[in-house]
PDB file of N, CA and C in Angstrom:
ATOM      1  N   MET A   1      18.977  -7.162  -9.119  1.00  0.00           N
ATOM      2  CA  MET A   1      17.559  -7.098  -8.513  1.00  0.00           C
ATOM      3  C   MET A   1      16.816  -7.801 -10.063  1.00  0.00           C
ATOM      4  N   GLN A   2      17.053  -7.816 -11.060  1.00  0.00           N
ATOM      5  CA  GLN A   2      16.467  -8.762 -12.329  1.00  0.00           C
ATOM      6  C   GLN A   2      16.915  -9.909 -12.115  1.00  0.00           C
ATOM      7  N   PHE A   3      18.263 -10.488 -11.485  1.00  0.00           N
ATOM      8  CA  PHE A   3      18.473 -11.624 -10.867  1.00  0.00           C
ATOM      9  C   PHE A   3      17.371 -12.660  -9.834  1.00  0.00           C
ATOM     10  N   LEU A   4      17.233 -11.709  -8.830  1.00  0.00           N
ATOM     11  CA  LEU A   4      16.356 -12.114  -7.638  1.00  0.00           C
ATOM     12  C   LEU A   4      14.702 -12.056  -8.057  1.00  0.00           C
ATOM     13  N   LYS A   5      14.006 -10.921  -9.467  1.00  0.00           N
ATOM     14  CA  LYS A   5      12.821 -11.437  -9.950  1.00  0.00           C
ATOM     15  C   LYS A   5      13.229 -12.722 -10.688  1.00  0.00           C
ATOM     16  N   THR A   6      14.427 -13.064 -11.671  1.00  0.00           N
ATOM     17  CA  THR A   6      13.826 -14.133 -11.853  1.00  0.00           C
ATOM     18  C   THR A   6      13.897 -15.585 -11.117  1.00  0.00           C
ATOM     19  N   ARG A   7      13.753 -15.665  -9.481  1.00  0.00           N
ATOM     20  CA  ARG A   7      13.605 -16.478  -8.465  1.00  0.00           C
ATOM     21  C   ARG A   7      12.759 -16.480  -7.626  1.00  0.00           C
ATOM     22  N   GLY A   8      11.487 -15.314  -8.138  1.00  0.00           N
ATOM     23  CA  GLY A   8      10.204 -15.504  -7.360  1.00  0.00           C
ATOM     24  C   GLY A   8      10.205 -13.687  -6.651  1.00  0.00           C
ATOM     25  N   LEU A   9      11.525 -13.538  -6.821  1.00  0.00           N
ATOM     26  CA  LEU A   9      11.201 -12.588  -5.582  1.00  0.00           C
ATOM     27  C   LEU A   9      10.716 -11.227  -6.497  1.00  0.00           C
ATOM     28  N   SER A  10       9.686 -10.164  -5.204  1.00  0.00           N
ATOM     29  CA  SER A  10       9.318  -8.964  -6.140  1.00  0.00           C
ATOM     30  C   SER A  10       9.777  -8.111  -4.933  1.00  0.00           C
ATOM     31  N   PHE A  11       9.447  -6.888  -5.791  1.00  0.00           N
ATOM     32  CA  PHE A  11       9.619  -5.644  -5.164  1.00  0.00           C
ATOM     33  C   PHE A  11       9.303  -4.264  -5.212  1.00  0.00           C
ATOM     34  N   ALA A  12       9.249  -3.665  -3.944  1.00  0.00           N
ATOM     35  CA  ALA A  12       8.234  -2.708  -3.680  1.00  0.00           C
ATOM     36  C   ALA A  12       8.947  -1.400  -3.310  1.00  0.00           C
ATOM     37  N   LEU A  13       8.437  -0.432  -3.416  1.00  0.00           N
ATOM     38  CA  LEU A  13       9.164   1.412  -3.734  1.00  0.00           C
ATOM     39  C   LEU A  13       8.636   1.523  -2.460  1.00  0.00           C
ATOM     40  N   ASP A  14       8.961   2.074  -1.102  1.00  0.00           N
ATOM     41  CA  ASP A  14       8.039   2.035   0.241  1.00  0.00           C
ATOM     42  C   ASP A  14       8.340   3.762  -0.259  1.00  0.00           C
ATOM     43  N   ASP A  15       6.963   4.349   0.856  1.00  0.00           N
ATOM     44  CA  ASP A  15       6.819   5.610   1.116  1.00  0.00           C
ATOM     45  C   ASP A  15       7.705   6.820  -0.320  1.00  0.00           C
ATOM     46  N   PHE A  16       6.770   6.277  -1.767  1.00  0.00           N
ATOM     47  CA  PHE A  16       6.457   6.862  -2.444  1.00  0.00           C
ATOM     48  C   PHE A  16       5.677   8.110  -2.278  1.00  0.00           C
ATOM     49  N   GLY A  17       6.623   9.025  -2.408  1.00  0.00           N
ATOM     50  CA  GLY A  17       6.066  10.770  -2.871  1.00  0.00           C
ATOM     51  C   GLY A  17       6.966  11.646  -1.646  1.00  0.00           C
ATOM     52  N   THR A  18       7.816  11.097  -1.077  1.00  0.00           N
ATOM     53  CA  THR A  18       8.473  11.523   0.234  1.00  0.00           C
ATOM     54  C   THR A  18      10.156  11.518  -0.313  1.00  0.00           C
ATOM     55  N   GLY A  19      11.189  12.408  -0.001  1.00  0.00           N
ATOM     56  CA  GLY A  19      12.274  11.508   0.870  1.00  0.00           C
ATOM     57  C   GLY A  19      12.925  11.510  -0.993  1.00  0.00           C
ATOM     58  N   TYR A  20      13.654  10.127  -1.119  1.00  0.00           N
ATOM     59  CA  TYR A  20      14.084  10.346  -2.149  1.00  0.00           C
ATOM     60  C   TYR A  20      13.459   9.183  -2.873  1.00  0.00           C
ATOM     61  N   SER A  21      12.579   8.498  -3.108  1.00  0.00           N
ATOM     62  CA  SER A  21      11.664   8.523  -4.153  1.00  0.00           C
ATOM     63  C   SER A  21      11.501   9.141  -5.320  1.00  0.00           C
ATOM     64  N   SER A  22      11.535   8.550  -6.191  1.00  0.00           N
ATOM     65  CA  SER A  22      12.069   9.326  -7.533  1.00  0.00           C
ATOM     66  C   SER A  22      11.338   8.927  -8.393  1.00  0.00           C
ATOM     67  N   LEU A  23      10.540   9.633  -9.593  1.00  0.00           N
ATOM     68  CA  LEU A  23      10.038   8.996 -10.866  1.00  0.00           C
ATOM     69  C   LEU A  23      10.693   8.064 -11.381  1.00  0.00           C
ATOM     70  N   THR A  24      12.155   8.412 -11.360  1.00  0.00           N
ATOM     71  CA  THR A  24      13.421   7.837 -11.968  1.00  0.00           C
ATOM     72  C   THR A  24      13.628   6.702 -11.486  1.00  0.00           C
ATOM     73  N   TYR A  25      13.412   5.735 -10.609  1.00  0.00           N
ATOM     74  CA  TYR A  25      12.860   4.660  -9.722  1.00  0.00           C
ATOM     75  C   TYR A  25      11.948   3.533 -10.296  1.00  0.00           C
ATOM     76  N   LEU A  26      10.688   4.580 -11.011  1.00  0.00           N
ATOM     77  CA  LEU A  26       9.859   3.568 -11.305  1.00  0.00           C
ATOM     78  C   LEU A  26      10.266   2.994 -12.994  1.00  0.00           C
ATOM     79  N   LYS A  27      11.013   4.082 -13.432  1.00  0.00           N
ATOM     80  CA  LYS A  27      11.923   3.715 -14.942  1.00  0.00           C
ATOM     81  C   LYS A  27      12.914   2.594 -14.989  1.00  0.00           C
ATOM     82  N   ARG A  28      13.151   2.854 -13.871  1.00  0.00           N
ATOM     83  CA  ARG A  28      15.068   2.051 -14.110  1.00  0.00           C
ATOM     84  C   ARG A  28      14.805   0.810 -13.064  1.00  0.00           C
ATOM     85  N   LEU A  29      14.126   0.624 -11.884  1.00  0.00           N
ATOM     86  CA  LEU A  29      14.102  -0.303 -11.273  1.00  0.00           C
ATOM     87  C   LEU A  29      12.708  -1.600 -11.716  1.00  0.00           C
ATOM     88  N   PRO A  30      12.979  -2.411 -11.327  1.00  0.00           N
ATOM     89  CA  PRO A  30      11.933  -3.743 -12.048  1.00  0.00           C
ATOM     90  C   PRO A  30      10.922  -3.883 -10.297  1.00  0.00           C
ATOM     91  N   LEU A  31      10.256  -2.697 -10.682  1.00  0.00           N
ATOM     92  CA  LEU A  31       9.140  -2.841  -9.509  1.00  0.00           C
ATOM     93  C   LEU A  31       7.764  -3.863  -9.613  1.00  0.00           C
ATOM     94  N   ASP A  32       7.337  -3.945  -8.513  1.00  0.00           N
ATOM     95  CA  ASP A  32       6.032  -5.042  -8.722  1.00  0.00           C
ATOM     96  C   ASP A  32       4.881  -4.169  -7.830  1.00  0.00           C
ATOM     97  N   VAL A  33       5.398  -3.471  -6.392  1.00  0.00           N
ATOM     98  CA  VAL A  33       4.449  -2.657  -5.772  1.00  0.00           C
ATOM     99  C   VAL A  33       4.976  -1.234  -5.397  1.00  0.00           C
ATOM    100  N   LEU A  34       4.041  -0.502  -5.652  1.00  0.00           N
ATOM    101  CA  LEU A  34       4.491   1.177  -5.507  1.00  0.00           C
ATOM    102  C   LEU A  34       3.345   1.173  -4.189  1.00  0.00           C
ATOM    103  N   LYS A  35       4.074   1.495  -2.935  1.00  0.00           N
ATOM    104  CA  LYS A  35       3.231   1.819  -1.783  1.00  0.00           C
ATOM    105  C   LYS A  35       3.482   3.523  -1.105  1.00  0.00           C
ATOM    106  N   ILE A  36       1.611   3.850  -1.174  1.00  0.00           N
ATOM    107  CA  ILE A  36       2.226   5.397  -1.377  1.00  0.00           C
ATOM    108  C   ILE A  36       2.263   5.968   0.356  1.00  0.00           C
ATOM    109  N   ASP A  37       2.995   6.766   0.460  1.00  0.00           N
ATOM    110  CA  ASP A  37       3.337   7.493   1.765  1.00  0.00           C
ATOM    111  C   ASP A  37       1.909   7.615   2.501  1.00  0.00           C
ATOM    112  N   ARG A  38       2.483   7.722   3.770  1.00  0.00           N
ATOM    113  CA  ARG A  38       1.321   7.660   4.528  1.00  0.00           C
ATOM    114  C   ARG A  38       0.889   9.028   4.825  1.00  0.00           C
ATOM    115  N   SER A  39       1.896  10.045   4.602  1.00  0.00           N
ATOM    116  CA  SER A  39       1.832  11.632   4.811  1.00  0.00           C
ATOM    117  C   SER A  39       0.227  11.779   3.714  1.00  0.00           C
ATOM    118  N   PHE A  40       0.631  10.972   2.836  1.00  0.00           N
ATOM    119  CA  PHE A  40      -0.119  11.577   1.652  1.00  0.00           C
ATOM    120  C   PHE A  40      -2.211  11.077   2.413  1.00  0.00           C
ATOM    121  N   VAL A  41      -2.030   9.832   2.815  1.00  0.00           N
ATOM    122  CA  VAL A  41      -3.067   9.360   2.785  1.00  0.00           C
ATOM    123  C   VAL A  41      -3.723   9.637   4.483  1.00  0.00           C
ATOM    124  N   GLN A  42      -2.695  10.188   4.977  1.00  0.00           N
ATOM    125  CA  GLN A  42      -3.753  11.008   6.811  1.00  0.00           C
ATOM    126  C   GLN A  42      -4.730  11.896   6.794  1.00  0.00           C
ATOM    127  N   ASP A  43      -4.696  12.767   5.435  1.00  0.00           N
ATOM    128  CA  ASP A  43      -5.532  13.593   5.808  1.00  0.00           C
ATOM    129  C   ASP A  43      -6.414  13.691   4.284  1.00  0.00           C
ATOM    130  N   LEU A  44      -6.291  12.926   3.618  1.00  0.00           N
ATOM    131  CA  LEU A  44      -6.955  12.340   2.244  1.00  0.00           C
ATOM    132  C   LEU A  44      -8.229  12.653   2.567  1.00  0.00           C
ATOM    133  N   LEU A  45      -8.964  12.717   3.649  1.00  0.00           N
ATOM    134  CA  LEU A  45     -10.413  13.012   3.392  1.00  0.00           C
ATOM    135  C   LEU A  45     -10.472  14.793   3.795  1.00  0.00           C
ATOM    136  N   ASP A  46      -9.941  15.253   4.195  1.00  0.00           N
ATOM    137  CA  ASP A  46      -9.665  17.007   4.524  1.00  0.00           C
ATOM    138  C   ASP A  46      -8.941  17.691   3.623  1.00  0.00           C
ATOM    139  N   ASP A  47      -7.857  16.956   2.508  1.00  0.00           N
ATOM    140  CA  ASP A  47      -7.022  17.893   2.475  1.00  0.00           C
ATOM    141  C   ASP A  47      -6.933  17.660   0.739  1.00  0.00           C
ATOM    142  N   ARG A  48      -8.052  18.570  -0.148  1.00  0.00           N
ATOM    143  CA  ARG A  48      -7.951  18.571  -1.376  1.00  0.00           C
ATOM    144  C   ARG A  48      -6.717  18.168  -2.019  1.00  0.00           C
ATOM    145  N   SER A  49      -5.652  18.937  -1.835  1.00  0.00           N
ATOM    146  CA  SER A  49      -4.135  18.365  -2.174  1.00  0.00           C
ATOM    147  C   SER A  49      -3.924  17.162  -2.391  1.00  0.00           C
ATOM    148  N   ASP A  50      -3.913  16.131  -0.992  1.00  0.00           N
ATOM    149  CA  ASP A  50      -3.853  15.374  -0.585  1.00  0.00           C
ATOM    150  C   ASP A  50      -4.715  13.950  -0.982  1.00  0.00           C
ATOM    151  N   ALA A  51      -5.970  14.740  -1.748  1.00  0.00           N
ATOM    152  CA  ALA A  51      -6.699  13.847  -2.123  1.00  0.00           C
ATOM    153  C   ALA A  51      -6.474  13.775  -3.759  1.00  0.00           C
ATOM    154  N   VAL A  52      -6.221  14.700  -4.181  1.00  0.00           N
ATOM    155  CA  VAL A  52      -5.724  14.713  -5.534  1.00  0.00           C
ATOM    156  C   VAL A  52      -4.025  13.614  -5.821  1.00  0.00           C
ATOM    157  N   ILE A  53      -3.177  13.874  -5.159  1.00  0.00           N
ATOM    158  CA  ILE A  53      -1.535  13.239  -5.106  1.00  0.00           C
ATOM    159  C   ILE A  53      -1.719  12.065  -4.772  1.00  0.00           C
ATOM    160  N   ALA A  54      -2.259  11.904  -3.662  1.00  0.00           N
ATOM    161  CA  ALA A  54      -2.236  10.405  -3.398  1.00  0.00           C
ATOM    162  C   ALA A  54      -3.077   9.750  -4.471  1.00  0.00           C
ATOM    163  N   PRO A  55      -4.361   9.568  -4.086  1.00  0.00           N
ATOM    164  CA  PRO A  55      -4.822   9.020  -4.730  1.00  0.00           C
ATOM    165  C   PRO A  55      -5.150   8.957  -6.643  1.00  0.00           C
ATOM    166  N   ARG A  56      -6.185   9.761  -7.397  1.00  0.00           N
ATOM    167  CA  ARG A  56      -5.798   9.931  -8.272  1.00  0.00           C
ATOM    168  C   ARG A  56      -4.561  10.642  -8.864  1.00  0.00           C
ATOM    169  N   THR A  57      -3.605  10.051  -8.960  1.00  0.00           N
ATOM    170  CA  THR A  57      -2.308  10.662  -9.351  1.00  0.00           C
ATOM    171  C   THR A  57      -1.312   9.429  -9.217  1.00  0.00           C
ATOM    172  N   ILE A  58      -1.385   8.947  -7.949  1.00  0.00           N
ATOM    173  CA  ILE A  58      -0.153   7.923  -7.837  1.00  0.00           C
ATOM    174  C   ILE A  58      -1.097   6.720  -8.151  1.00  0.00           C
ATOM    175  N   VAL A  59      -1.833   6.829  -7.652  1.00  0.00           N
ATOM    176  CA  VAL A  59      -2.516   5.490  -7.997  1.00  0.00           C
ATOM    177  C   VAL A  59      -2.656   5.113  -9.724  1.00  0.00           C
ATOM    178  N   ALA A  60      -2.971   6.247 -10.405  1.00  0.00           N
ATOM    179  CA  ALA A  60      -3.274   6.436 -11.766  1.00  0.00           C
ATOM    180  C   ALA A  60      -1.308   5.648 -12.608  1.00  0.00           C
ATOM    181  N   LEU A  61      -0.786   6.660 -12.049  1.00  0.00           N
ATOM    182  CA  LEU A  61       0.602   5.877 -12.191  1.00  0.00           C
ATOM    183  C   LEU A  61       0.639   4.767 -12.118  1.00  0.00           C
ATOM    184  N   GLY A  62       0.770   4.415 -10.804  1.00  0.00           N
ATOM    185  CA  GLY A  62       1.406   3.196 -10.601  1.00  0.00           C
ATOM    186  C   GLY A  62      -0.038   2.033 -11.898  1.00  0.00           C
ATOM    187  N   CYS A  63      -0.871   2.628 -11.584  1.00  0.00           N
ATOM    188  CA  CYS A  63      -1.328   1.552 -12.494  1.00  0.00           C
ATOM    189  C   CYS A  63      -1.301   1.303 -13.726  1.00  0.00           C
ATOM    190  N   ASN A  64      -0.855   2.623 -14.718  1.00  0.00           N
ATOM    191  CA  ASN A  64      -0.710   2.693 -15.957  1.00  0.00           C
ATOM    192  C   ASN A  64       0.878   1.991 -16.054  1.00  0.00           C
ATOM    193  N   LEU A  65       1.564   1.762 -15.310  1.00  0.00           N
ATOM    194  CA  LEU A  65       2.401   1.043 -15.287  1.00  0.00           C
ATOM    195  C   LEU A  65       2.866  -0.440 -15.333  1.00  0.00           C
ATOM    196  N   GLY A  66       1.631  -0.687 -14.471  1.00  0.00           N
ATOM    197  CA  GLY A  66       1.236  -2.222 -14.156  1.00  0.00           C
ATOM    198  C   GLY A  66       1.685  -2.550 -12.905  1.00  0.00           C
ATOM    199  N   LEU A  67       1.891  -1.423 -12.013  1.00  0.00           N
ATOM    200  CA  LEU A  67       2.159  -1.867 -10.566  1.00  0.00           C
ATOM    201  C   LEU A  67       0.922  -2.237  -9.652  1.00  0.00           C
ATOM    202  N   ARG A  68       1.065  -2.941  -8.291  1.00  0.00           N
ATOM    203  CA  ARG A  68       0.279  -3.211  -7.547  1.00  0.00           C
ATOM    204  C   ARG A  68       0.413  -1.943  -6.921  1.00  0.00           C
ATOM    205  N   VAL A  69      -0.897  -0.814  -6.038  1.00  0.00           N
ATOM    206  CA  VAL A  69      -0.548  -0.096  -5.760  1.00  0.00           C
ATOM    207  C   VAL A  69      -1.185  -0.221  -4.167  1.00  0.00           C
ATOM    208  N   VAL A  70      -0.311   0.163  -3.455  1.00  0.00           N
ATOM    209  CA  VAL A  70      -0.213   0.026  -2.052  1.00  0.00           C
ATOM    210  C   VAL A  70      -0.420   1.248  -1.019  1.00  0.00           C
ATOM    211  N   ALA A  71      -1.737   1.313  -0.484  1.00  0.00           N
ATOM    212  CA  ALA A  71      -1.546   2.879   0.565  1.00  0.00           C
ATOM    213  C   ALA A  71      -0.972   2.641   1.860  1.00  0.00           C
ATOM    214  N   GLU A  72      -0.232   3.971   2.273  1.00  0.00           N
ATOM    215  CA  GLU A  72       0.217   3.173   3.701  1.00  0.00           C
ATOM    216  C   GLU A  72      -0.425   4.433   4.875  1.00  0.00           C
ATOM    217  N   GLY A  73      -0.410   4.033   6.083  1.00  0.00           N
ATOM    218  CA  GLY A  73      -1.311   4.217   7.565  1.00  0.00           C
ATOM    219  C   GLY A  73      -2.698   4.815   7.157  1.00  0.00           C
ATOM    220  N   VAL A  74      -3.537   3.466   6.728  1.00  0.00           N
ATOM    221  CA  VAL A  74      -4.807   3.484   6.674  1.00  0.00           C
ATOM    222  C   VAL A  74      -5.382   2.933   7.981  1.00  0.00           C
ATOM    223  N   GLU A  75      -6.299   4.531   8.604  1.00  0.00           N
ATOM    224  CA  GLU A  75      -6.751   4.710   9.738  1.00  0.00           C
ATOM    225  C   GLU A  75      -7.743   4.625  10.081  1.00  0.00           C
ATOM    226  N   LYS A  76      -8.671   5.200   8.932  1.00  0.00           N
ATOM    227  CA  LYS A  76     -10.226   5.085   8.999  1.00  0.00           C
ATOM    228  C   LYS A  76     -10.810   4.561   7.726  1.00  0.00           C
ATOM    229  N   ALA A  77     -12.242   3.662   8.028  1.00  0.00           N
ATOM    230  CA  ALA A  77     -12.932   3.343   6.767  1.00  0.00           C
ATOM    231  C   ALA A  77     -13.130   4.075   5.815  1.00  0.00           C
ATOM    232  N   ARG A  78     -13.147   5.171   5.813  1.00  0.00           N
ATOM    233  CA  ARG A  78     -13.785   6.168   4.795  1.00  0.00           C
ATOM    234  C   ARG A  78     -12.122   6.516   3.501  1.00  0.00           C
ATOM    235  N   GLN A  79     -11.254   6.338   4.713  1.00  0.00           N
ATOM    236  CA  GLN A  79      -9.841   6.439   3.713  1.00  0.00           C
ATOM    237  C   GLN A  79      -9.662   5.142   2.885  1.00  0.00           C
ATOM    238  N   ARG A  80      -9.360   4.222   3.575  1.00  0.00           N
ATOM    239  CA  ARG A  80      -9.700   2.576   2.741  1.00  0.00           C
ATOM    240  C   ARG A  80     -11.000   2.759   1.526  1.00  0.00           C
ATOM    241  N   ASP A  81     -11.834   3.256   1.767  1.00  0.00           N
ATOM    242  CA  ASP A  81     -12.990   2.799   0.643  1.00  0.00           C
ATOM    243  C   ASP A  81     -12.808   4.281  -0.291  1.00  0.00           C
ATOM    244  N   PHE A  82     -12.353   5.346   0.089  1.00  0.00           N
ATOM    245  CA  PHE A  82     -11.829   6.292  -1.140  1.00  0.00           C
ATOM    246  C   PHE A  82     -10.430   5.882  -1.774  1.00  0.00           C
ATOM    247  N   LEU A  83     -10.143   5.541  -1.306  1.00  0.00           N
ATOM    248  CA  LEU A  83      -8.715   4.527  -1.651  1.00  0.00           C
ATOM    249  C   LEU A  83      -9.139   3.475  -2.804  1.00  0.00           C
ATOM    250  N   PHE A  84      -9.517   2.620  -2.391  1.00  0.00           N
ATOM    251  CA  PHE A  84     -10.290   1.629  -3.110  1.00  0.00           C
ATOM    252  C   PHE A  84     -10.761   2.518  -4.474  1.00  0.00           C
ATOM    253  N   GLN A  85     -12.262   3.068  -4.076  1.00  0.00           N
ATOM    254  CA  GLN A  85     -12.690   3.426  -5.396  1.00  0.00           C
ATOM    255  C   GLN A  85     -12.036   4.200  -6.513  1.00  0.00           C
ATOM    256  N   VAL A  86     -10.673   4.554  -6.369  1.00  0.00           N
ATOM    257  CA  VAL A  86      -9.401   5.394  -7.285  1.00  0.00           C
ATOM    258  C   VAL A  86      -8.848   4.284  -7.532  1.00  0.00           C
ATOM    259  N   GLY A  87      -9.052   2.840  -7.218  1.00  0.00           N
ATOM    260  CA  GLY A  87      -8.285   1.994  -7.884  1.00  0.00           C
ATOM    261  C   GLY A  87      -6.866   1.820  -6.847  1.00  0.00           C
ATOM    262  N   CYS A  88      -6.655   1.833  -5.475  1.00  0.00           N
ATOM    263  CA  CYS A  88      -5.885   1.525  -4.768  1.00  0.00           C
ATOM    264  C   CYS A  88      -6.092   0.104  -4.966  1.00  0.00           C
ATOM    265  N   ASP A  89      -5.104  -0.799  -4.707  1.00  0.00           N
ATOM    266  CA  ASP A  89      -5.130  -2.111  -4.360  1.00  0.00           C
ATOM    267  C   ASP A  89      -5.203  -2.929  -3.290  1.00  0.00           C
ATOM    268  N   ALA A  90      -4.533  -2.068  -2.344  1.00  0.00           N
ATOM    269  CA  ALA A  90      -4.682  -2.811  -1.022  1.00  0.00           C
ATOM    270  C   ALA A  90      -3.762  -1.645  -0.286  1.00  0.00           C
ATOM    271  N   TYR A  91      -4.116  -1.675   1.803  1.00  0.00           N
ATOM    272  CA  TYR A  91      -4.112  -0.930   2.207  1.00  0.00           C
ATOM    273  C   TYR A  91      -3.518  -1.204   3.505  1.00  0.00           C
ATOM    274  N   GLN A  92      -2.277  -0.558   4.129  1.00  0.00           N
ATOM    275  CA  GLN A  92      -1.573  -1.347   5.457  1.00  0.00           C
ATOM    276  C   GLN A  92      -1.712   0.232   6.348  1.00  0.00           C
ATOM    277  N   GLY A  93      -2.085  -0.662   7.824  1.00  0.00           N
ATOM    278  CA  GLY A  93      -2.291   0.689   8.777  1.00  0.00           C
ATOM    279  C   GLY A  93      -3.086   0.052  10.152  1.00  0.00           C
ATOM    280  N   PHE A  94      -3.253   0.860  10.886  1.00  0.00           N
ATOM    281  CA  PHE A  94      -4.329   0.321  12.172  1.00  0.00           C
ATOM    282  C   PHE A  94      -5.883  -0.011  11.651  1.00  0.00           C
ATOM    283  N   LEU A  95      -6.171   0.565  10.913  1.00  0.00           N
ATOM    284  CA  LEU A  95      -7.286   0.083  10.106  1.00  0.00           C
ATOM    285  C   LEU A  95      -6.963  -1.673  10.251  1.00  0.00           C
ATOM    286  N   CYS A  96      -6.466  -2.066   9.573  1.00  0.00           N
ATOM    287  CA  CYS A  96      -6.190  -3.065   9.817  1.00  0.00           C
ATOM    288  C   CYS A  96      -6.006  -4.347  10.730  1.00  0.00           C
ATOM    289  N   THR A  97      -4.950  -3.475  11.244  1.00  0.00           N
ATOM    290  CA  THR A  97      -4.500  -4.076  12.752  1.00  0.00           C
ATOM    291  C   THR A  97      -3.438  -3.091  13.580  1.00  0.00           C
ATOM    292  N   GLN A  98      -3.761  -3.112  14.930  1.00  0.00           N
ATOM    293  CA  GLN A  98      -2.178  -2.380  15.061  1.00  0.00           C
ATOM    294  C   GLN A  98      -0.776  -3.663  15.277  1.00  0.00           C
ATOM    295  N   PRO A  99       0.065  -2.791  15.496  1.00  0.00           N
ATOM    296  CA  PRO A  99       1.287  -3.633  15.624  1.00  0.00           C
ATOM    297  C   PRO A  99       1.402  -4.729  16.268  1.00  0.00           C
ATOM    298  N   VAL A 100       2.068  -6.001  15.680  1.00  0.00           N
ATOM    299  CA  VAL A 100       2.181  -7.306  16.385  1.00  0.00           C
ATOM    300  C   VAL A 100       3.201  -7.785  16.797  1.00  0.00           C
ATOM    301  N   PRO A 101       3.768  -8.248  18.059  1.00  0.00           N
ATOM    302  CA  PRO A 101       4.915  -8.822  18.137  1.00  0.00           C
ATOM    303  C   PRO A 101       5.374  -9.502  17.073  1.00  0.00           C
ATOM    304  N   ALA A 102       6.566 -10.316  17.091  1.00  0.00           N
ATOM    305  CA  ALA A 102       6.611 -11.112  16.221  1.00  0.00           C
ATOM    306  C   ALA A 102       6.193 -12.496  16.086  1.00  0.00           C
ATOM    307  N   SER A 103       6.175 -12.485  18.016  1.00  0.00           N
ATOM    308  CA  SER A 103       6.212 -14.004  18.408  1.00  0.00           C
ATOM    309  C   SER A 103       4.341 -14.298  18.183  1.00  0.00           C
ATOM    310  N   ASP A 104       3.514 -13.337  18.385  1.00  0.00           N
ATOM    311  CA  ASP A 104       2.183 -13.768  17.885  1.00  0.00           C
ATOM    312  C   ASP A 104       1.789 -13.865  16.873  1.00  0.00           C
ATOM    313  N   VAL A 105       2.733 -13.446  15.237  1.00  0.00           N
ATOM    314  CA  VAL A 105       2.450 -13.456  14.519  1.00  0.00           C
ATOM    315  C   VAL A 105       1.076 -14.479  13.940  1.00  0.00           C
ATOM    316  N   ALA A 106       1.937 -15.413  14.228  1.00  0.00           N
ATOM    317  CA  ALA A 106       1.222 -17.054  13.596  1.00  0.00           C
ATOM    318  C   ALA A 106      -0.530 -17.137  14.408  1.00  0.00           C
ATOM    319  N   ALA A 107      -0.187 -16.589  15.526  1.00  0.00           N
ATOM    320  CA  ALA A 107      -1.444 -17.397  16.451  1.00  0.00           C
ATOM    321  C   ALA A 107      -2.008 -16.026  15.744  1.00  0.00           C
ATOM    322  N   PHE A 108      -2.408 -14.387  15.107  1.00  0.00           N
ATOM    323  CA  PHE A 108      -2.746 -13.481  14.795  1.00  0.00           C
ATOM    324  C   PHE A 108      -3.621 -14.182  12.934  1.00  0.00           C
ATOM    325  N   VAL A 109      -2.309 -14.350  12.417  1.00  0.00           N
ATOM    326  CA  VAL A 109      -2.423 -15.348  10.958  1.00  0.00           C
ATOM    327  C   VAL A 109      -3.747 -16.025  11.200  1.00  0.00           C
ATOM    328  N   GLN A 110      -3.981 -17.427  11.811  1.00  0.00           N
ATOM    329  CA  GLN A 110      -4.488 -18.491  12.143  1.00  0.00           C
ATOM    330  C   GLN A 110      -6.162 -17.680  12.616  1.00  0.00           C
ATOM    331  N   THR A 111      -5.943 -17.019  13.412  1.00  0.00           N
ATOM    332  CA  THR A 111      -7.268 -15.797  13.806  1.00  0.00           C
ATOM    333  C   THR A 111      -8.241 -15.121  13.049  1.00  0.00           C
ATOM    334  N   TRP A 112      -6.762 -14.711  12.174  1.00  0.00           N
ATOM    335  CA  TRP A 112      -7.694 -13.628  10.855  1.00  0.00           C
ATOM    336  C   TRP A 112      -7.981 -14.904   9.773  1.00  0.00           C
ATOM    337  N   GLN A 113      -7.350 -15.430   9.677  1.00  0.00           N
ATOM    338  CA  GLN A 113      -7.529 -16.879   8.448  1.00  0.00           C
ATOM    339  C   GLN A 113      -8.855 -17.507   8.820  1.00  0.00           C
ATOM    340  N   ARG A 114      -9.702 -17.892  10.284  1.00  0.00           N
ATOM    341  CA  ARG A 114     -10.767 -18.306  10.689  1.00  0.00           C
ATOM    342  C   ARG A 114     -11.654 -17.286  10.346  1.00  0.00           C
ATOM    343  N   GLY A 115     -11.744 -16.278  10.515  1.00  0.00           N
ATOM    344  CA  GLY A 115     -12.301 -14.923  10.501  1.00  0.00           C
ATOM    345  C   GLY A 115     -12.970 -14.706   9.322  1.00  0.00           C
ATOM    346  N   ALA A 116     -11.886 -15.282   7.910  1.00  0.00           N
ATOM    347  CA  ALA A 116     -12.316 -14.599   6.784  1.00  0.00           C
ATOM    348  C   ALA A 116     -13.482 -15.871   6.092  1.00  0.00           C
ATOM    349  N   ARG A 117     -12.846 -17.032   6.649  1.00  0.00           N
ATOM    350  CA  ARG A 117     -13.536 -18.339   6.242  1.00  0.00           C
ATOM    351  C   ARG A 117     -14.893 -18.557   7.224  1.00  0.00           C
ATOM    352  N   GLY A 118     -15.250 -17.205   8.189  1.00  0.00           N
ATOM    353  CA  GLY A 118     -16.396 -17.682   9.059  1.00  0.00           C
ATOM    354  C   GLY A 118     -16.559 -18.519  10.157  1.00  0.00           C
ATOM    355  N   ILE A 119     -14.686 -18.879  10.696  1.00  0.00           N
ATOM    356  CA  ILE A 119     -15.218 -19.934  10.920  1.00  0.00           C
ATOM    357  C   ILE A 119     -14.645 -19.394  12.552  1.00  0.00           C
ATOM    358  N   GLY A 120     -15.565 -19.801  13.817  1.00  0.00           N
ATOM    359  CA  GLY A 120     -15.706 -19.112  14.870  1.00  0.00           C
ATOM    360  C   GLY A 120     -14.972 -19.575  15.866  1.00  0.00           C
TER     361      GLY A 120
END
């Protein structure tokens, strides 16, 4: 992985907080991005435990290690706003877009870029 990083690749630890993700990986691997598993995001607004674990703990951990933090499974603007308020760098999920077939990705990106520049 170190060799690949020297070639410009970056690495993300996906689904952090579930399964085989471990704090040990944060120490051993040359990571750039920590992705919060969607299971912590989906009930973020209704479950105090999820609100504490996902944003306040995982975001703080990632930021203190110099990692970008991305939240998976964001479906509501309130979830996104909450995550950004506590320092999450980015999000992915249905709030951004529904899944797009590979054959439509180029057109999707062009449409998104036009909208981001205010071009109709």
